[in-house]
Structure formats: structure tokens, C-alpha cells
N, C-alpha and C. Protein backbone atom coordinates (compact mmCIF):
# COMPACT_ATOMS: atom_id res chain seq x y z
N MET A 1 48.33 -103.42 11.29
CA MET A 1 46.97 -103.16 11.72
C MET A 1 46.36 -102.13 10.79
N LYS A 2 45.27 -102.49 10.15
CA LYS A 2 44.60 -101.60 9.20
C LYS A 2 43.54 -100.76 9.90
N VAL A 3 43.63 -99.45 9.69
CA VAL A 3 42.69 -98.50 10.27
C VAL A 3 41.93 -97.82 9.13
N VAL A 4 40.61 -97.81 9.23
CA VAL A 4 39.76 -97.14 8.25
C VAL A 4 39.11 -95.95 8.96
N SER A 5 39.12 -94.79 8.28
CA SER A 5 38.64 -93.57 8.92
C SER A 5 37.63 -92.84 8.04
N PRO A 6 36.32 -93.05 8.28
CA PRO A 6 35.30 -92.28 7.56
C PRO A 6 35.05 -90.92 8.23
N VAL A 7 35.32 -89.84 7.49
CA VAL A 7 35.08 -88.48 7.99
C VAL A 7 34.59 -87.61 6.84
N PRO A 8 33.87 -86.51 7.14
CA PRO A 8 33.37 -85.65 6.07
C PRO A 8 34.48 -84.84 5.41
N THR A 9 34.40 -84.74 4.11
CA THR A 9 35.36 -83.96 3.32
C THR A 9 35.30 -82.48 3.73
N GLY A 10 36.46 -81.86 3.77
CA GLY A 10 36.52 -80.42 4.00
C GLY A 10 36.44 -79.97 5.44
N SER A 11 36.25 -80.87 6.37
CA SER A 11 36.18 -80.48 7.78
C SER A 11 37.59 -80.42 8.37
N GLY A 12 37.68 -79.83 9.54
CA GLY A 12 38.97 -79.83 10.25
C GLY A 12 39.41 -81.24 10.58
N ALA A 13 38.45 -82.10 10.89
CA ALA A 13 38.77 -83.50 11.16
C ALA A 13 39.35 -84.16 9.91
N TYR A 14 38.83 -83.81 8.74
CA TYR A 14 39.35 -84.36 7.49
C TYR A 14 40.83 -84.02 7.34
N ILE A 15 41.18 -82.77 7.61
CA ILE A 15 42.57 -82.34 7.48
C ILE A 15 43.47 -83.14 8.42
N LEU A 16 43.05 -83.29 9.65
CA LEU A 16 43.84 -84.05 10.62
C LEU A 16 43.95 -85.52 10.23
N HIS A 17 42.85 -86.13 9.83
CA HIS A 17 42.87 -87.55 9.46
C HIS A 17 43.65 -87.76 8.16
N LYS A 18 43.67 -86.77 7.28
CA LYS A 18 44.49 -86.82 6.06
C LYS A 18 45.97 -86.87 6.44
N LEU A 19 46.37 -86.09 7.42
CA LEU A 19 47.76 -86.13 7.91
C LEU A 19 48.10 -87.49 8.50
N LEU A 20 47.15 -88.07 9.22
CA LEU A 20 47.37 -89.42 9.75
C LEU A 20 47.59 -90.41 8.62
N GLN A 21 46.78 -90.30 7.57
CA GLN A 21 46.91 -91.20 6.43
C GLN A 21 48.28 -91.06 5.76
N GLU A 22 48.76 -89.82 5.67
CA GLU A 22 50.05 -89.57 5.02
C GLU A 22 51.22 -90.09 5.85
N ASN A 23 51.02 -90.25 7.16
CA ASN A 23 52.13 -90.63 8.02
C ASN A 23 52.04 -92.02 8.64
N LEU A 24 50.90 -92.67 8.50
CA LEU A 24 50.74 -94.03 9.02
C LEU A 24 50.45 -94.97 7.84
N PRO A 25 51.26 -95.99 7.65
CA PRO A 25 51.15 -96.81 6.44
C PRO A 25 49.82 -97.56 6.26
N ASP A 26 49.17 -97.96 7.31
CA ASP A 26 47.93 -98.74 7.17
C ASP A 26 46.70 -97.96 7.58
N TYR A 27 46.76 -96.64 7.44
CA TYR A 27 45.64 -95.76 7.79
C TYR A 27 44.98 -95.30 6.50
N THR A 28 43.68 -95.56 6.34
CA THR A 28 42.97 -95.20 5.11
C THR A 28 41.82 -94.25 5.43
N LEU A 29 41.89 -93.07 4.86
CA LEU A 29 40.84 -92.08 5.01
C LEU A 29 39.75 -92.37 3.97
N CYS A 30 38.52 -92.47 4.42
CA CYS A 30 37.36 -92.67 3.54
C CYS A 30 36.45 -91.47 3.73
N SER A 31 36.58 -90.49 2.87
CA SER A 31 35.80 -89.27 3.05
C SER A 31 34.42 -89.39 2.42
N TYR A 32 33.51 -88.59 2.92
CA TYR A 32 32.15 -88.53 2.38
C TYR A 32 31.70 -87.08 2.34
N PRO A 33 30.74 -86.74 1.48
CA PRO A 33 30.26 -85.36 1.38
C PRO A 33 29.65 -84.88 2.70
N PRO A 34 29.94 -83.65 3.09
CA PRO A 34 29.37 -83.13 4.33
C PRO A 34 27.85 -83.10 4.32
N LEU A 35 27.23 -83.07 3.17
CA LEU A 35 25.76 -83.07 3.09
C LEU A 35 25.16 -84.37 3.61
N TYR A 36 25.97 -85.43 3.73
CA TYR A 36 25.46 -86.68 4.30
C TYR A 36 24.96 -86.47 5.73
N ALA A 37 25.43 -85.42 6.39
CA ALA A 37 24.98 -85.12 7.75
C ALA A 37 23.48 -84.80 7.79
N LEU A 38 22.92 -84.41 6.65
CA LEU A 38 21.48 -84.13 6.60
C LEU A 38 20.66 -85.42 6.70
N PHE A 39 21.25 -86.52 6.26
CA PHE A 39 20.62 -87.84 6.37
C PHE A 39 21.72 -88.85 6.70
N PRO A 40 22.13 -88.91 7.97
CA PRO A 40 23.30 -89.69 8.38
C PRO A 40 23.32 -91.16 7.98
N PRO A 41 22.19 -91.85 7.76
CA PRO A 41 22.32 -93.24 7.30
C PRO A 41 23.10 -93.38 5.98
N LEU A 42 23.24 -92.29 5.21
CA LEU A 42 24.06 -92.34 4.00
C LEU A 42 25.52 -92.63 4.32
N ILE A 43 25.94 -92.35 5.55
CA ILE A 43 27.33 -92.58 5.97
C ILE A 43 27.60 -94.08 6.13
N TYR A 44 26.57 -94.82 6.42
CA TYR A 44 26.71 -96.24 6.75
C TYR A 44 27.60 -97.03 5.79
N PRO A 45 27.45 -96.94 4.46
CA PRO A 45 28.28 -97.76 3.58
C PRO A 45 29.71 -97.26 3.36
N VAL A 46 30.03 -96.05 3.81
CA VAL A 46 31.35 -95.46 3.56
C VAL A 46 32.45 -96.32 4.21
N GLY A 47 33.33 -96.82 3.41
CA GLY A 47 34.46 -97.60 3.89
C GLY A 47 34.16 -99.03 4.27
N ARG A 48 32.92 -99.47 4.11
CA ARG A 48 32.52 -100.83 4.53
C ARG A 48 33.20 -101.92 3.71
N THR A 49 33.56 -101.62 2.48
CA THR A 49 34.17 -102.64 1.63
C THR A 49 35.64 -102.88 1.97
N LEU A 50 36.22 -101.99 2.77
CA LEU A 50 37.63 -102.12 3.14
C LEU A 50 37.80 -102.96 4.39
N LYS A 51 38.78 -103.84 4.36
CA LYS A 51 39.11 -104.63 5.55
C LYS A 51 39.68 -103.69 6.59
N ALA A 52 39.24 -103.83 7.82
CA ALA A 52 39.72 -102.96 8.89
C ALA A 52 39.89 -103.74 10.19
N ASP A 53 40.95 -103.40 10.92
CA ASP A 53 41.13 -103.92 12.27
C ASP A 53 40.55 -102.94 13.29
N ILE A 54 40.51 -101.65 12.89
CA ILE A 54 39.96 -100.58 13.73
C ILE A 54 39.26 -99.58 12.81
N VAL A 55 38.14 -99.05 13.25
CA VAL A 55 37.50 -97.93 12.57
C VAL A 55 37.69 -96.71 13.46
N HIS A 56 38.26 -95.64 12.89
CA HIS A 56 38.52 -94.40 13.64
C HIS A 56 37.75 -93.27 12.97
N THR A 57 36.84 -92.65 13.70
CA THR A 57 36.01 -91.60 13.11
C THR A 57 35.69 -90.51 14.13
N ILE A 58 34.94 -89.52 13.68
CA ILE A 58 34.53 -88.43 14.57
C ILE A 58 33.35 -88.90 15.41
N ALA A 59 33.20 -88.30 16.56
CA ALA A 59 32.19 -88.76 17.52
C ALA A 59 30.75 -88.51 17.08
N GLY A 60 30.50 -87.41 16.40
CA GLY A 60 29.13 -87.04 16.06
C GLY A 60 28.34 -88.06 15.27
N TYR A 61 29.02 -88.75 14.35
CA TYR A 61 28.33 -89.71 13.48
C TYR A 61 28.95 -91.10 13.56
N ALA A 62 29.63 -91.38 14.64
CA ALA A 62 30.34 -92.66 14.79
C ALA A 62 29.41 -93.86 14.70
N ILE A 63 28.21 -93.73 15.20
CA ILE A 63 27.28 -94.86 15.20
C ILE A 63 27.02 -95.36 13.77
N PHE A 64 27.14 -94.49 12.79
CA PHE A 64 26.90 -94.89 11.40
C PHE A 64 28.13 -95.55 10.77
N SER A 65 29.25 -95.56 11.48
CA SER A 65 30.46 -96.24 11.01
C SER A 65 30.73 -97.52 11.81
N TYR A 66 29.87 -97.81 12.75
CA TYR A 66 30.03 -98.97 13.62
C TYR A 66 29.94 -100.28 12.84
N ARG A 67 30.85 -101.19 13.15
CA ARG A 67 30.82 -102.56 12.62
C ARG A 67 30.86 -103.49 13.83
N PRO A 68 29.97 -104.44 13.93
CA PRO A 68 29.92 -105.27 15.14
C PRO A 68 31.19 -106.08 15.40
N ASP A 69 31.96 -106.36 14.37
CA ASP A 69 33.14 -107.19 14.53
C ASP A 69 34.47 -106.42 14.56
N VAL A 70 34.39 -105.07 14.53
CA VAL A 70 35.60 -104.24 14.47
C VAL A 70 35.52 -103.17 15.57
N PRO A 71 36.60 -103.01 16.35
CA PRO A 71 36.59 -101.95 17.38
C PRO A 71 36.42 -100.56 16.75
N LEU A 72 35.68 -99.72 17.42
CA LEU A 72 35.41 -98.35 16.97
C LEU A 72 36.09 -97.37 17.91
N VAL A 73 36.91 -96.49 17.35
CA VAL A 73 37.58 -95.45 18.12
C VAL A 73 37.05 -94.11 17.62
N THR A 74 36.59 -93.28 18.54
CA THR A 74 36.09 -91.96 18.14
C THR A 74 36.96 -90.88 18.74
N THR A 75 37.03 -89.77 18.03
CA THR A 75 37.81 -88.62 18.48
C THR A 75 36.91 -87.40 18.51
N PHE A 76 36.93 -86.69 19.62
CA PHE A 76 36.22 -85.42 19.74
C PHE A 76 37.19 -84.32 19.31
N HIS A 77 36.93 -83.71 18.18
CA HIS A 77 37.78 -82.63 17.68
C HIS A 77 37.17 -81.29 18.08
N ASN A 78 37.94 -80.47 18.78
CA ASN A 78 37.54 -79.10 19.11
C ASN A 78 36.29 -79.02 19.99
N TYR A 79 36.12 -79.99 20.87
CA TYR A 79 35.03 -79.90 21.85
C TYR A 79 35.61 -79.38 23.16
N TYR A 80 34.87 -78.54 23.83
CA TYR A 80 35.31 -78.04 25.11
C TYR A 80 34.09 -77.70 25.97
N ILE A 81 34.33 -77.62 27.26
CA ILE A 81 33.28 -77.23 28.19
C ILE A 81 33.66 -75.85 28.73
N ASP A 82 32.72 -74.94 28.65
CA ASP A 82 32.99 -73.56 29.06
C ASP A 82 31.83 -73.10 29.94
N ASP A 83 32.14 -72.47 31.07
CA ASP A 83 31.11 -71.97 31.96
C ASP A 83 30.42 -70.71 31.43
N ASP A 84 31.00 -70.05 30.47
CA ASP A 84 30.42 -68.79 29.97
C ASP A 84 29.26 -69.02 29.05
């Protein structure tokens, strides 16, 4: 099962997804510059040319990695709810 993971370079999520790539044989990290967050449609083509059975990305910009024919899995990294 091939997993493609578009995440911004240099983020904590990048480090975690890089570890996944190093330890899972069919996991491919597709990084993009963090400045793409200023205009998120730039994220859209990242990793699109790669065949994928699953796309795994961060929740904030997941909609820009969505493919209608491939399941999308999102991960919330370091999110919490605090009453303070």
C-alpha cells in the first residue's frame, strides 16, 4: 500500500513524517516550502504525480491534498484543548 504524505518542510510534522518514511517501505514524504501556507492552493500539485493508495497529511491544509479517488488521512499534531 503506497502512502503519499505532503507536509511543510522544517515543521514538527515534517520530522515525524520523515521518520515514518524511513521506517515504512511504501511511505513517501512530499515536502513543500512553509511559505506555501501564505497561498495554500500552491500545495495542490505537491505529490500529485505519485501513485497513492492513501494520502496522509496535516489537518490544517489537508483539503489542498485531497484527491477524489484516494482516501485522505489527516493527523492533528500538537493540538490540545485547554480551559485556561
